């Protein structure tokens, strides 16, 4: 979604800059909101025409060799005339090499406008809707299986985002057998956690010496 916002002529829905995995719809030239298509290596990897061309699949944008966006005038490999975003995954070569991407955010890296007036409400607000914590860890590695003929590339990605939910609190008497009632614990606010574990493997080969 963030990459799509950079493309001239493409309109992205409100999920285009989401902090956690979500379905991001996009279109171009005032077309239907479900007209945009996501593909990997030219193959559509989401719902069919009526459902929209995206999904909540978390694409591994760190391990692609190329990202291309066709805004209009696509060929017959797409069933619509709208935009298509295609990811070309990275593949191994004759040299062993890899990379590691690591990202971390927490309460120390954000600001909010919570003040005493909000904390003293009947339903107090003690945390904003911002990120409580987030991380993204993504190592990858590749190289030759047989030089000049067969190569591999593999990657692993684990990430999660924890966001505050206003107005919902834990029960102070949770797991206390002497109490069967609810008492608001304002020291612990609810949170929404979303994340993914992604493992990928890719093998490429040169079948003949000429092609």
N, C-alpha and C. Protein backbone atom coordinates (compact mmCIF):
# COMPACT_ATOMS: atom_id res chain seq x y z
N UNK A 1 0.81 -1.21 0.00
CA UNK A 1 0.00 0.00 0.00
C UNK A 1 0.84 1.26 0.00
N UNK A 2 1.93 1.25 0.74
CA UNK A 2 2.80 2.42 0.78
C UNK A 2 3.44 2.65 -0.58
N UNK A 3 3.88 1.58 -1.23
CA UNK A 3 4.48 1.72 -2.56
C UNK A 3 3.47 2.24 -3.58
N UNK A 4 2.23 1.76 -3.48
CA UNK A 4 1.21 2.19 -4.43
C UNK A 4 0.92 3.68 -4.34
N UNK A 5 1.07 4.25 -3.15
CA UNK A 5 0.82 5.68 -2.98
C UNK A 5 1.82 6.55 -3.72
N UNK A 6 2.94 5.97 -4.15
CA UNK A 6 3.94 6.73 -4.89
C UNK A 6 3.67 6.74 -6.40
N UNK A 7 2.72 5.93 -6.87
CA UNK A 7 2.51 5.76 -8.31
C UNK A 7 1.55 6.84 -8.82
N UNK A 8 1.98 7.68 -9.75
CA UNK A 8 1.09 8.70 -10.31
C UNK A 8 -0.11 8.06 -11.02
N UNK A 9 -1.29 8.63 -10.80
CA UNK A 9 -2.49 8.14 -11.46
C UNK A 9 -3.20 7.02 -10.74
N UNK A 10 -2.62 6.49 -9.67
CA UNK A 10 -3.23 5.40 -8.91
C UNK A 10 -3.89 5.96 -7.66
N UNK A 11 -5.13 5.54 -7.40
CA UNK A 11 -5.86 5.96 -6.21
C UNK A 11 -5.91 4.79 -5.23
N UNK A 12 -5.45 5.01 -4.00
CA UNK A 12 -5.36 3.96 -2.99
C UNK A 12 -6.36 4.25 -1.87
N UNK A 13 -7.00 3.20 -1.33
CA UNK A 13 -7.99 3.41 -0.28
C UNK A 13 -7.31 3.79 1.04
N UNK A 14 -8.11 3.96 2.07
CA UNK A 14 -7.59 4.44 3.36
C UNK A 14 -6.63 3.46 4.01
N UNK A 15 -6.59 2.21 3.56
CA UNK A 15 -5.68 1.23 4.15
C UNK A 15 -4.29 1.29 3.55
N UNK A 16 -4.05 2.23 2.64
CA UNK A 16 -2.78 2.27 1.94
C UNK A 16 -1.58 2.51 2.83
N UNK A 17 -1.80 3.10 4.01
CA UNK A 17 -0.69 3.36 4.93
C UNK A 17 -0.94 2.69 6.28
N UNK A 18 -1.57 1.53 6.27
CA UNK A 18 -1.89 0.83 7.51
C UNK A 18 -0.63 0.33 8.19
N UNK A 19 -0.68 0.25 9.53
CA UNK A 19 0.45 -0.22 10.31
C UNK A 19 0.53 -1.74 10.41
N UNK A 20 -0.55 -2.42 10.05
CA UNK A 20 -0.59 -3.88 10.16
C UNK A 20 -1.17 -4.46 8.88
N UNK A 21 -1.00 -5.76 8.65
CA UNK A 21 -1.48 -6.39 7.41
C UNK A 21 -2.97 -6.16 7.19
N UNK A 22 -3.33 -5.73 6.02
CA UNK A 22 -4.74 -5.48 5.71
C UNK A 22 -4.94 -5.49 4.21
N UNK A 23 -6.18 -5.56 3.78
CA UNK A 23 -6.48 -5.53 2.35
C UNK A 23 -6.44 -4.08 1.86
N UNK A 24 -5.64 -3.81 0.85
CA UNK A 24 -5.49 -2.47 0.31
C UNK A 24 -6.01 -2.44 -1.12
N UNK A 25 -7.13 -1.79 -1.34
CA UNK A 25 -7.72 -1.70 -2.67
C UNK A 25 -7.18 -0.47 -3.40
N UNK A 26 -7.02 -0.60 -4.70
CA UNK A 26 -6.52 0.53 -5.49
C UNK A 26 -7.12 0.48 -6.89
N UNK A 27 -7.11 1.64 -7.54
CA UNK A 27 -7.68 1.74 -8.88
C UNK A 27 -6.99 2.90 -9.59
N UNK A 28 -7.42 3.16 -10.83
CA UNK A 28 -6.86 4.27 -11.61
C UNK A 28 -7.94 4.83 -12.52
N UNK A 29 -7.82 6.12 -12.82
CA UNK A 29 -8.73 6.79 -13.76
C UNK A 29 -10.19 6.69 -13.33
N UNK A 30 -10.46 6.69 -12.04
CA UNK A 30 -11.83 6.70 -11.55
C UNK A 30 -12.55 5.37 -11.70
N UNK A 31 -11.83 4.28 -11.89
CA UNK A 31 -12.44 2.97 -12.04
C UNK A 31 -12.98 2.41 -10.73
N UNK A 32 -13.52 1.22 -10.79
CA UNK A 32 -14.06 0.55 -9.61
C UNK A 32 -12.95 0.36 -8.57
N UNK A 33 -13.33 0.46 -7.28
CA UNK A 33 -12.32 0.37 -6.22
C UNK A 33 -11.69 -1.02 -6.12
N UNK A 34 -12.35 -2.04 -6.68
CA UNK A 34 -11.78 -3.39 -6.62
C UNK A 34 -11.13 -3.80 -7.94
N UNK A 35 -10.76 -2.82 -8.76
CA UNK A 35 -10.24 -3.13 -10.08
C UNK A 35 -8.75 -3.42 -10.07
N UNK A 36 -8.00 -2.86 -9.12
CA UNK A 36 -6.55 -3.08 -9.08
C UNK A 36 -6.22 -4.54 -8.80
N UNK A 37 -5.11 -4.99 -9.36
CA UNK A 37 -4.69 -6.38 -9.20
C UNK A 37 -3.27 -6.46 -8.63
N UNK A 38 -3.04 -7.41 -7.72
CA UNK A 38 -1.70 -7.73 -7.23
C UNK A 38 -1.27 -9.05 -7.85
N UNK A 39 -0.03 -9.11 -8.32
CA UNK A 39 0.48 -10.35 -8.90
C UNK A 39 1.93 -10.55 -8.52
N UNK A 40 2.34 -11.80 -8.50
CA UNK A 40 3.73 -12.18 -8.26
C UNK A 40 4.20 -12.97 -9.47
N UNK A 41 5.24 -12.46 -10.10
CA UNK A 41 5.77 -13.10 -11.31
C UNK A 41 4.69 -13.22 -12.39
N UNK A 42 3.78 -12.26 -12.43
CA UNK A 42 2.75 -12.25 -13.45
C UNK A 42 1.50 -13.03 -13.11
N UNK A 43 1.48 -13.73 -11.98
CA UNK A 43 0.31 -14.53 -11.59
C UNK A 43 -0.48 -13.78 -10.53
N UNK A 44 -1.77 -13.57 -10.77
CA UNK A 44 -2.62 -12.89 -9.80
C UNK A 44 -2.69 -13.72 -8.52
N UNK A 45 -2.49 -13.08 -7.39
CA UNK A 45 -2.41 -13.80 -6.11
C UNK A 45 -3.49 -13.32 -5.15
N UNK A 46 -4.66 -13.01 -5.67
CA UNK A 46 -5.73 -12.53 -4.80
C UNK A 46 -7.07 -12.99 -5.36
N UNK A 47 -8.13 -12.33 -4.92
CA UNK A 47 -9.48 -12.74 -5.30
C UNK A 47 -9.73 -12.47 -6.78
N UNK A 48 -10.75 -13.11 -7.30
CA UNK A 48 -11.12 -12.93 -8.70
C UNK A 48 -11.85 -11.60 -8.88
N UNK A 49 -12.38 -11.36 -10.07
CA UNK A 49 -12.91 -10.04 -10.45
C UNK A 49 -13.91 -9.48 -9.45
N UNK A 50 -14.92 -10.27 -9.08
CA UNK A 50 -15.98 -9.73 -8.24
C UNK A 50 -15.50 -9.44 -6.82
N UNK A 51 -14.48 -10.16 -6.36
CA UNK A 51 -14.01 -9.96 -4.99
C UNK A 51 -12.94 -8.91 -4.85
N UNK A 52 -12.37 -8.48 -5.94
CA UNK A 52 -11.28 -7.52 -5.86
C UNK A 52 -9.94 -8.20 -6.03
N UNK A 53 -8.97 -7.48 -6.54
CA UNK A 53 -7.70 -8.08 -6.90
C UNK A 53 -6.63 -8.03 -5.85
N UNK A 54 -7.02 -7.93 -4.57
CA UNK A 54 -6.05 -7.89 -3.49
C UNK A 54 -6.47 -8.87 -2.40
N UNK A 55 -5.61 -9.04 -1.42
CA UNK A 55 -5.94 -9.89 -0.27
C UNK A 55 -5.14 -9.40 0.92
N UNK A 56 -5.30 -10.06 2.06
CA UNK A 56 -4.52 -9.69 3.25
C UNK A 56 -3.18 -10.40 3.28
N UNK A 57 -2.80 -11.04 2.18
CA UNK A 57 -1.47 -11.63 2.08
C UNK A 57 -0.42 -10.54 2.30
N UNK A 58 0.56 -10.81 3.15
CA UNK A 58 1.64 -9.85 3.40
C UNK A 58 2.77 -10.13 2.42
N UNK A 59 2.89 -9.28 1.43
CA UNK A 59 3.89 -9.48 0.39
C UNK A 59 5.28 -9.15 0.92
N UNK A 60 6.25 -9.96 0.55
CA UNK A 60 7.62 -9.77 1.03
C UNK A 60 8.34 -8.77 0.13
N UNK A 61 8.09 -7.49 0.37
CA UNK A 61 8.65 -6.44 -0.49
C UNK A 61 10.15 -6.28 -0.30
N UNK A 62 10.70 -6.85 0.77
CA UNK A 62 12.14 -6.73 0.98
C UNK A 62 12.95 -7.64 0.07
N UNK A 63 12.32 -8.67 -0.47
CA UNK A 63 13.05 -9.67 -1.26
C UNK A 63 12.51 -9.76 -2.67
N UNK A 64 12.38 -8.62 -3.31
CA UNK A 64 11.98 -8.59 -4.72
C UNK A 64 13.08 -7.91 -5.53
N UNK A 65 13.27 -8.38 -6.74
CA UNK A 65 14.25 -7.76 -7.64
C UNK A 65 13.65 -6.56 -8.36
N UNK A 66 12.33 -6.60 -8.57
CA UNK A 66 11.70 -5.53 -9.36
C UNK A 66 10.23 -5.41 -8.98
N UNK A 67 9.75 -4.19 -8.94
CA UNK A 67 8.32 -3.91 -8.75
C UNK A 67 7.86 -3.10 -9.95
N UNK A 68 6.85 -3.59 -10.65
CA UNK A 68 6.33 -2.85 -11.81
C UNK A 68 4.84 -2.62 -11.64
N UNK A 69 4.38 -1.47 -12.07
CA UNK A 69 2.96 -1.12 -11.99
C UNK A 69 2.50 -0.69 -13.37
N UNK A 70 1.55 -1.43 -13.93
CA UNK A 70 0.91 -1.05 -15.19
C UNK A 70 -0.38 -0.32 -14.85
N UNK A 71 -0.44 0.97 -15.17
CA UNK A 71 -1.61 1.77 -14.80
C UNK A 71 -2.77 1.52 -15.75
N UNK A 72 -2.48 1.30 -17.03
CA UNK A 72 -3.55 1.04 -18.00
C UNK A 72 -2.94 0.35 -19.21
N UNK A 73 -3.82 -0.15 -20.07
CA UNK A 73 -3.37 -0.75 -21.31
C UNK A 73 -2.62 -2.05 -21.15
N UNK A 74 -3.00 -2.85 -20.14
CA UNK A 74 -2.33 -4.13 -19.92
C UNK A 74 -2.66 -5.14 -21.01
N UNK A 75 -1.93 -6.25 -20.99
CA UNK A 75 -2.13 -7.30 -21.98
C UNK A 75 -3.21 -8.27 -21.51
N UNK A 76 -3.35 -9.38 -22.21
CA UNK A 76 -4.42 -10.32 -21.92
C UNK A 76 -4.22 -11.16 -20.68
N UNK A 77 -3.10 -10.99 -19.97
CA UNK A 77 -2.89 -11.76 -18.75
C UNK A 77 -3.69 -11.22 -17.57
N UNK A 78 -4.40 -10.11 -17.76
CA UNK A 78 -5.25 -9.56 -16.71
C UNK A 78 -6.67 -9.43 -17.25
N UNK A 79 -7.64 -9.74 -16.40
CA UNK A 79 -9.03 -9.72 -16.85
C UNK A 79 -9.66 -8.34 -16.76
N UNK A 80 -8.91 -7.34 -16.32
CA UNK A 80 -9.43 -5.99 -16.20
C UNK A 80 -8.50 -5.01 -16.89
N UNK A 81 -9.01 -3.80 -17.13
CA UNK A 81 -8.19 -2.78 -17.76
C UNK A 81 -7.53 -1.85 -16.76
N UNK A 82 -7.72 -2.16 -15.48
CA UNK A 82 -7.19 -1.29 -14.43
C UNK A 82 -5.74 -1.58 -14.11
N UNK A 83 -5.22 -0.97 -13.04
CA UNK A 83 -3.80 -1.09 -12.71
C UNK A 83 -3.45 -2.47 -12.17
N UNK A 84 -2.23 -2.89 -12.46
CA UNK A 84 -1.71 -4.17 -11.97
C UNK A 84 -0.33 -3.91 -11.36
N UNK A 85 -0.15 -4.31 -10.11
CA UNK A 85 1.16 -4.21 -9.45
C UNK A 85 1.77 -5.60 -9.43
N UNK A 86 2.94 -5.75 -10.03
CA UNK A 86 3.59 -7.05 -10.16
C UNK A 86 4.92 -7.04 -9.41
N UNK A 87 5.12 -8.06 -8.57
CA UNK A 87 6.36 -8.22 -7.83
C UNK A 87 7.16 -9.37 -8.44
N UNK A 88 8.42 -9.10 -8.75
CA UNK A 88 9.33 -10.14 -9.26
C UNK A 88 10.24 -10.56 -8.12
N UNK A 89 10.08 -11.78 -7.59
CA UNK A 89 10.87 -12.20 -6.42
C UNK A 89 12.35 -12.32 -6.75
N UNK A 90 13.16 -12.14 -5.74
CA UNK A 90 14.60 -12.29 -5.88
C UNK A 90 14.94 -13.76 -6.08
N UNK A 91 15.97 -14.02 -6.84
CA UNK A 91 16.44 -15.39 -7.07
C UNK A 91 17.94 -15.46 -6.81
N UNK A 92 18.42 -16.65 -6.52
CA UNK A 92 19.83 -16.84 -6.22
C UNK A 92 20.71 -16.71 -7.45
N UNK A 93 22.01 -16.60 -7.22
CA UNK A 93 22.99 -16.51 -8.30
C UNK A 93 24.19 -17.38 -8.01
N UNK A 94 25.28 -17.15 -8.70
CA UNK A 94 26.48 -17.97 -8.55
C UNK A 94 27.30 -17.61 -7.32
N UNK A 95 26.89 -16.60 -6.57
CA UNK A 95 27.58 -16.22 -5.35
C UNK A 95 26.64 -16.35 -4.16
N UNK A 96 27.13 -16.94 -3.09
CA UNK A 96 26.32 -17.02 -1.87
C UNK A 96 26.25 -15.64 -1.22
N UNK A 97 25.04 -15.18 -1.00
CA UNK A 97 24.87 -13.87 -0.35
C UNK A 97 23.50 -13.80 0.30
N UNK A 98 23.38 -12.89 1.23
CA UNK A 98 22.11 -12.72 1.93
C UNK A 98 22.02 -11.35 2.56
N UNK A 99 20.93 -11.12 3.27
CA UNK A 99 20.72 -9.85 3.94
C UNK A 99 19.79 -10.06 5.12
N UNK A 100 19.80 -9.10 6.04
CA UNK A 100 18.90 -9.13 7.19
C UNK A 100 18.29 -7.74 7.33
N UNK A 101 16.96 -7.70 7.40
CA UNK A 101 16.25 -6.45 7.67
C UNK A 101 15.63 -6.55 9.05
N UNK A 102 15.83 -5.52 9.87
CA UNK A 102 15.28 -5.53 11.22
C UNK A 102 14.72 -4.15 11.54
N UNK A 103 13.53 -4.13 12.12
CA UNK A 103 12.83 -2.88 12.39
C UNK A 103 12.16 -3.00 13.76
N UNK A 104 12.24 -1.96 14.56
CA UNK A 104 11.66 -2.00 15.90
C UNK A 104 11.08 -0.64 16.26
N UNK A 105 9.89 -0.64 16.85
CA UNK A 105 9.27 0.58 17.36
C UNK A 105 8.55 0.24 18.66
N UNK A 106 8.40 1.24 19.52
CA UNK A 106 7.73 1.01 20.78
C UNK A 106 7.20 2.30 21.36
N UNK A 107 6.78 2.25 22.64
CA UNK A 107 6.23 3.45 23.27
C UNK A 107 7.26 4.57 23.33
N UNK A 108 8.54 4.21 23.35
CA UNK A 108 9.61 5.20 23.39
C UNK A 108 9.74 5.98 22.08
N UNK A 109 9.11 5.49 21.02
CA UNK A 109 9.29 6.11 19.70
C UNK A 109 8.03 6.82 19.21
N UNK A 110 7.09 7.10 20.08
CA UNK A 110 5.85 7.75 19.66
C UNK A 110 5.48 8.88 20.60
N UNK A 111 4.54 9.70 20.16
CA UNK A 111 3.99 10.75 20.99
C UNK A 111 2.47 10.66 20.99
N UNK A 112 1.81 11.32 21.92
CA UNK A 112 0.35 11.34 21.94
C UNK A 112 -0.12 12.64 22.60
N UNK A 113 -1.43 12.84 22.61
CA UNK A 113 -2.01 14.05 23.21
C UNK A 113 -2.84 13.71 24.44
N UNK A 114 -2.53 12.59 25.11
CA UNK A 114 -3.25 12.20 26.32
C UNK A 114 -2.91 13.18 27.45
N UNK A 115 -3.95 13.78 28.05
CA UNK A 115 -3.75 14.70 29.17
C UNK A 115 -4.63 14.29 30.34
N UNK A 116 -4.58 15.06 31.45
CA UNK A 116 -5.35 14.72 32.64
C UNK A 116 -6.85 14.72 32.40
N UNK A 117 -7.32 15.58 31.51
CA UNK A 117 -8.75 15.63 31.22
C UNK A 117 -9.23 14.30 30.62
N UNK A 118 -8.44 13.72 29.73
CA UNK A 118 -8.80 12.44 29.12
C UNK A 118 -8.63 11.29 30.11
N UNK A 119 -7.64 11.39 30.98
CA UNK A 119 -7.42 10.33 31.96
C UNK A 119 -8.52 10.31 33.02
N UNK A 120 -9.18 11.47 33.28
CA UNK A 120 -10.18 11.56 34.34
C UNK A 120 -11.61 11.44 33.83
N UNK A 121 -11.80 11.04 32.59
CA UNK A 121 -13.14 10.80 32.08
C UNK A 121 -13.79 9.62 32.79
N UNK A 122 -15.13 9.51 32.68
CA UNK A 122 -15.82 8.37 33.29
C UNK A 122 -15.28 7.06 32.73
N UNK A 123 -15.05 7.05 31.44
CA UNK A 123 -14.30 5.95 30.82
C UNK A 123 -12.95 6.52 30.41
N UNK A 124 -11.97 6.42 31.29
CA UNK A 124 -10.70 7.12 31.04
C UNK A 124 -9.97 6.62 29.80
N UNK A 125 -9.32 7.52 29.14
CA UNK A 125 -8.47 7.19 28.00
C UNK A 125 -7.03 7.37 28.45
N UNK A 126 -6.32 6.28 28.51
CA UNK A 126 -4.93 6.32 28.99
C UNK A 126 -3.92 6.04 27.90
N UNK A 127 -4.40 5.59 26.75
CA UNK A 127 -3.48 5.30 25.63
C UNK A 127 -4.16 5.68 24.33
N UNK A 128 -3.43 6.30 23.46
CA UNK A 128 -3.97 6.66 22.16
C UNK A 128 -4.00 5.46 21.23
N UNK A 129 -4.51 5.66 20.01
CA UNK A 129 -4.63 4.55 19.07
C UNK A 129 -3.32 4.23 18.36
N UNK A 130 -2.24 4.86 18.78
CA UNK A 130 -0.96 4.64 18.11
C UNK A 130 -0.35 3.29 18.44
N UNK A 131 0.86 3.09 17.97
CA UNK A 131 1.55 1.81 18.13
C UNK A 131 2.08 1.67 19.56
N UNK A 132 1.74 0.56 20.21
CA UNK A 132 2.34 0.22 21.50
C UNK A 132 3.71 -0.42 21.25
N UNK A 133 3.76 -1.29 20.28
CA UNK A 133 5.01 -1.94 19.92
C UNK A 133 4.91 -2.54 18.53
N UNK A 134 6.02 -2.60 17.83
CA UNK A 134 6.05 -3.20 16.50
C UNK A 134 7.46 -3.69 16.22
N UNK A 135 7.55 -4.80 15.50
CA UNK A 135 8.85 -5.29 15.07
C UNK A 135 8.71 -6.00 13.73
N UNK A 136 9.81 -6.10 13.02
CA UNK A 136 9.84 -6.77 11.72
C UNK A 136 11.25 -7.34 11.55
N UNK A 137 11.35 -8.66 11.48
CA UNK A 137 12.64 -9.34 11.34
C UNK A 137 12.60 -10.19 10.08
N UNK A 138 13.57 -9.98 9.17
CA UNK A 138 13.48 -10.59 7.84
C UNK A 138 14.87 -10.94 7.29
N UNK A 139 15.42 -12.14 7.63
CA UNK A 139 16.67 -12.58 7.02
C UNK A 139 16.39 -13.35 5.72
N UNK A 140 17.33 -13.30 4.81
CA UNK A 140 17.22 -14.05 3.56
C UNK A 140 18.60 -14.45 3.08
N UNK A 141 18.65 -15.52 2.27
CA UNK A 141 19.95 -16.04 1.83
C UNK A 141 19.75 -16.85 0.55
N UNK A 142 20.75 -16.80 -0.31
CA UNK A 142 20.66 -17.55 -1.57
C UNK A 142 22.02 -17.80 -2.17
N UNK A 143 22.05 -18.64 -3.20
CA UNK A 143 23.30 -18.95 -3.87
C UNK A 143 23.13 -20.11 -4.85
N UNK A 144 24.22 -20.66 -5.33
CA UNK A 144 24.14 -21.72 -6.34
C UNK A 144 23.95 -23.11 -5.72
N UNK A 145 23.11 -23.91 -6.34
CA UNK A 145 23.06 -25.34 -6.07
C UNK A 145 24.02 -26.04 -7.04
N UNK A 146 23.97 -25.61 -8.29
CA UNK A 146 24.93 -26.03 -9.31
C UNK A 146 25.27 -24.79 -10.12
N UNK A 147 26.51 -24.40 -10.09
CA UNK A 147 26.94 -23.15 -10.70
C UNK A 147 26.53 -23.09 -12.16
N UNK A 148 25.99 -21.93 -12.56
CA UNK A 148 25.55 -21.64 -13.93
C UNK A 148 24.32 -22.43 -14.36
N UNK A 149 23.75 -23.24 -13.44
CA UNK A 149 22.60 -24.07 -13.82
C UNK A 149 21.41 -23.97 -12.86
N UNK A 150 21.69 -24.03 -11.57
CA UNK A 150 20.60 -24.17 -10.59
C UNK A 150 20.92 -23.32 -9.37
N UNK A 151 19.93 -22.49 -8.95
CA UNK A 151 20.15 -21.57 -7.84
C UNK A 151 18.96 -21.62 -6.88
N UNK A 152 19.21 -21.18 -5.66
CA UNK A 152 18.14 -21.13 -4.65
C UNK A 152 18.13 -19.78 -3.97
N UNK A 153 16.97 -19.43 -3.43
CA UNK A 153 16.83 -18.24 -2.58
C UNK A 153 15.75 -18.53 -1.55
N UNK A 154 16.05 -18.28 -0.28
CA UNK A 154 15.07 -18.51 0.78
C UNK A 154 15.02 -17.33 1.74
N UNK A 155 13.86 -17.11 2.33
CA UNK A 155 13.72 -16.01 3.28
C UNK A 155 12.70 -16.38 4.35
N UNK A 156 12.86 -15.74 5.50
CA UNK A 156 11.93 -15.89 6.61
C UNK A 156 11.58 -14.50 7.12
N UNK A 157 10.32 -14.28 7.40
CA UNK A 157 9.90 -12.98 7.91
C UNK A 157 8.90 -13.16 9.04
N UNK A 158 9.15 -12.49 10.15
CA UNK A 158 8.24 -12.51 11.30
C UNK A 158 8.03 -11.07 11.74
N UNK A 159 6.78 -10.65 11.79
CA UNK A 159 6.51 -9.28 12.22
C UNK A 159 5.16 -9.20 12.90
N UNK A 160 5.02 -8.19 13.74
CA UNK A 160 3.76 -7.96 14.46
C UNK A 160 3.66 -6.51 14.86
N UNK A 161 2.43 -6.04 14.95
CA UNK A 161 2.15 -4.67 15.39
C UNK A 161 1.10 -4.72 16.49
N UNK A 162 1.36 -4.05 17.59
CA UNK A 162 0.43 -3.98 18.71
C UNK A 162 -0.05 -2.54 18.85
N UNK A 163 -1.37 -2.34 18.75
CA UNK A 163 -1.96 -1.01 18.82
C UNK A 163 -2.97 -0.92 19.96
N UNK A 164 -3.04 0.24 20.60
CA UNK A 164 -3.95 0.44 21.71
C UNK A 164 -5.40 0.54 21.25
N UNK A 165 -6.30 0.09 22.11
CA UNK A 165 -7.74 0.19 21.88
C UNK A 165 -8.33 1.02 23.01
N UNK A 166 -8.92 2.16 22.69
CA UNK A 166 -9.42 3.08 23.72
C UNK A 166 -10.67 2.55 24.40
N UNK A 167 -10.78 2.80 25.70
CA UNK A 167 -12.02 2.55 26.44
C UNK A 167 -12.26 1.12 26.86
N UNK A 168 -11.33 0.20 26.63
CA UNK A 168 -11.49 -1.20 27.03
C UNK A 168 -10.34 -1.54 27.98
N UNK A 169 -10.68 -2.16 29.12
CA UNK A 169 -9.66 -2.42 30.14
C UNK A 169 -9.79 -3.84 30.66
N UNK A 170 -8.71 -4.30 31.26
CA UNK A 170 -8.69 -5.64 31.85
C UNK A 170 -9.51 -5.67 33.13
N UNK A 171 -9.81 -6.88 33.60
CA UNK A 171 -10.54 -7.08 34.84
C UNK A 171 -9.53 -7.21 35.99
N UNK A 172 -9.66 -6.34 36.96
CA UNK A 172 -8.74 -6.36 38.11
C UNK A 172 -8.87 -7.67 38.89
N UNK A 173 -10.04 -8.31 38.82
CA UNK A 173 -10.28 -9.54 39.58
C UNK A 173 -10.11 -10.80 38.73
N UNK A 174 -9.49 -10.69 37.60
CA UNK A 174 -9.30 -11.86 36.75
C UNK A 174 -8.52 -12.94 37.49
N UNK A 175 -9.00 -14.18 37.40
CA UNK A 175 -8.37 -15.36 38.03
C UNK A 175 -8.39 -15.29 39.56
N UNK A 176 -9.21 -14.41 40.12
CA UNK A 176 -9.35 -14.32 41.58
C UNK A 176 -10.63 -15.05 41.98
N UNK A 177 -10.54 -16.23 42.61
CA UNK A 177 -11.75 -17.03 42.92
C UNK A 177 -12.64 -16.39 43.98
N UNK A 178 -12.14 -15.37 44.68
CA UNK A 178 -12.96 -14.72 45.70
C UNK A 178 -13.85 -13.63 45.13
N UNK A 179 -13.67 -13.31 43.86
CA UNK A 179 -14.48 -12.28 43.22
C UNK A 179 -15.06 -12.83 41.91
N UNK A 180 -16.37 -12.58 41.72
CA UNK A 180 -17.04 -12.98 40.49
C UNK A 180 -17.56 -11.76 39.73
N UNK A 181 -17.09 -10.62 40.11
CA UNK A 181 -17.53 -9.39 39.46
C UNK A 181 -16.37 -8.76 38.71
N UNK A 182 -16.73 -7.78 37.90
CA UNK A 182 -15.73 -7.08 37.08
C UNK A 182 -15.35 -5.76 37.73
N UNK A 183 -14.05 -5.50 37.77
CA UNK A 183 -13.55 -4.21 38.24
C UNK A 183 -12.50 -3.73 37.25
N UNK A 184 -12.68 -2.53 36.80
CA UNK A 184 -11.82 -1.98 35.76
C UNK A 184 -10.40 -1.77 36.27
N UNK A 185 -9.44 -2.30 35.53
CA UNK A 185 -8.03 -2.09 35.85
C UNK A 185 -7.47 -1.10 34.84
N UNK A 186 -7.40 0.17 35.25
CA UNK A 186 -7.00 1.22 34.31
C UNK A 186 -5.50 1.19 34.00
N UNK A 187 -4.76 0.36 34.70
CA UNK A 187 -3.31 0.27 34.44
C UNK A 187 -3.01 -0.61 33.23
N UNK A 188 -4.01 -1.41 32.80
CA UNK A 188 -3.79 -2.30 31.66
C UNK A 188 -4.87 -2.02 30.63
N UNK A 189 -4.49 -1.47 29.50
CA UNK A 189 -5.47 -1.18 28.45
C UNK A 189 -5.45 -2.29 27.41
N UNK A 190 -6.56 -2.42 26.68
CA UNK A 190 -6.65 -3.45 25.65
C UNK A 190 -5.77 -3.09 24.47
N UNK A 191 -5.38 -4.09 23.75
CA UNK A 191 -4.57 -3.86 22.56
C UNK A 191 -4.96 -4.84 21.47
N UNK A 192 -4.75 -4.41 20.24
CA UNK A 192 -5.02 -5.24 19.07
C UNK A 192 -3.67 -5.63 18.46
N UNK A 193 -3.42 -6.92 18.36
CA UNK A 193 -2.13 -7.40 17.87
C UNK A 193 -2.34 -8.16 16.56
N UNK A 194 -1.60 -7.76 15.54
CA UNK A 194 -1.64 -8.46 14.26
C UNK A 194 -0.23 -8.73 13.79
N UNK A 195 -0.01 -9.90 13.22
CA UNK A 195 1.33 -10.24 12.75
C UNK A 195 1.29 -11.40 11.77
N UNK A 196 2.44 -11.73 11.27
CA UNK A 196 2.57 -12.81 10.29
C UNK A 196 3.90 -13.53 10.48
N UNK A 197 3.90 -14.81 10.12
CA UNK A 197 5.12 -15.58 9.93
C UNK A 197 5.14 -16.04 8.48
N UNK A 198 6.18 -15.68 7.75
CA UNK A 198 6.25 -15.98 6.32
C UNK A 198 7.55 -16.72 6.03
N UNK A 199 7.44 -17.87 5.38
CA UNK A 199 8.62 -18.61 4.93
C UNK A 199 8.52 -18.81 3.42
N UNK A 200 9.59 -18.51 2.72
CA UNK A 200 9.59 -18.60 1.26
C UNK A 200 10.81 -19.36 0.77
N UNK A 201 10.62 -20.13 -0.28
CA UNK A 201 11.72 -20.80 -0.95
C UNK A 201 11.55 -20.66 -2.45
N UNK A 202 12.63 -20.42 -3.14
CA UNK A 202 12.55 -20.22 -4.59
C UNK A 202 13.76 -20.89 -5.25
N UNK A 203 13.50 -21.70 -6.26
CA UNK A 203 14.55 -22.35 -7.03
C UNK A 203 14.42 -21.94 -8.49
N UNK A 204 15.51 -21.50 -9.10
CA UNK A 204 15.51 -21.14 -10.50
C UNK A 204 16.59 -21.95 -11.21
N UNK A 205 16.35 -22.20 -12.49
CA UNK A 205 17.26 -23.04 -13.26
C UNK A 205 17.39 -22.53 -14.68
N UNK A 206 18.53 -22.75 -15.27
CA UNK A 206 18.72 -22.53 -16.70
C UNK A 206 18.69 -23.89 -17.35
N UNK A 207 17.66 -24.14 -18.13
CA UNK A 207 17.41 -25.48 -18.65
C UNK A 207 18.39 -25.82 -19.77
N UNK A 208 18.63 -24.89 -20.66
CA UNK A 208 19.55 -25.14 -21.76
C UNK A 208 20.69 -24.13 -21.72
N UNK A 209 21.72 -24.39 -22.46
CA UNK A 209 22.87 -23.49 -22.46
C UNK A 209 22.61 -22.19 -23.20
N UNK A 210 21.59 -22.17 -24.07
CA UNK A 210 21.34 -20.98 -24.90
C UNK A 210 20.27 -20.08 -24.32
N UNK A 211 19.32 -20.64 -23.53
CA UNK A 211 18.20 -19.86 -23.04
C UNK A 211 18.10 -19.97 -21.53
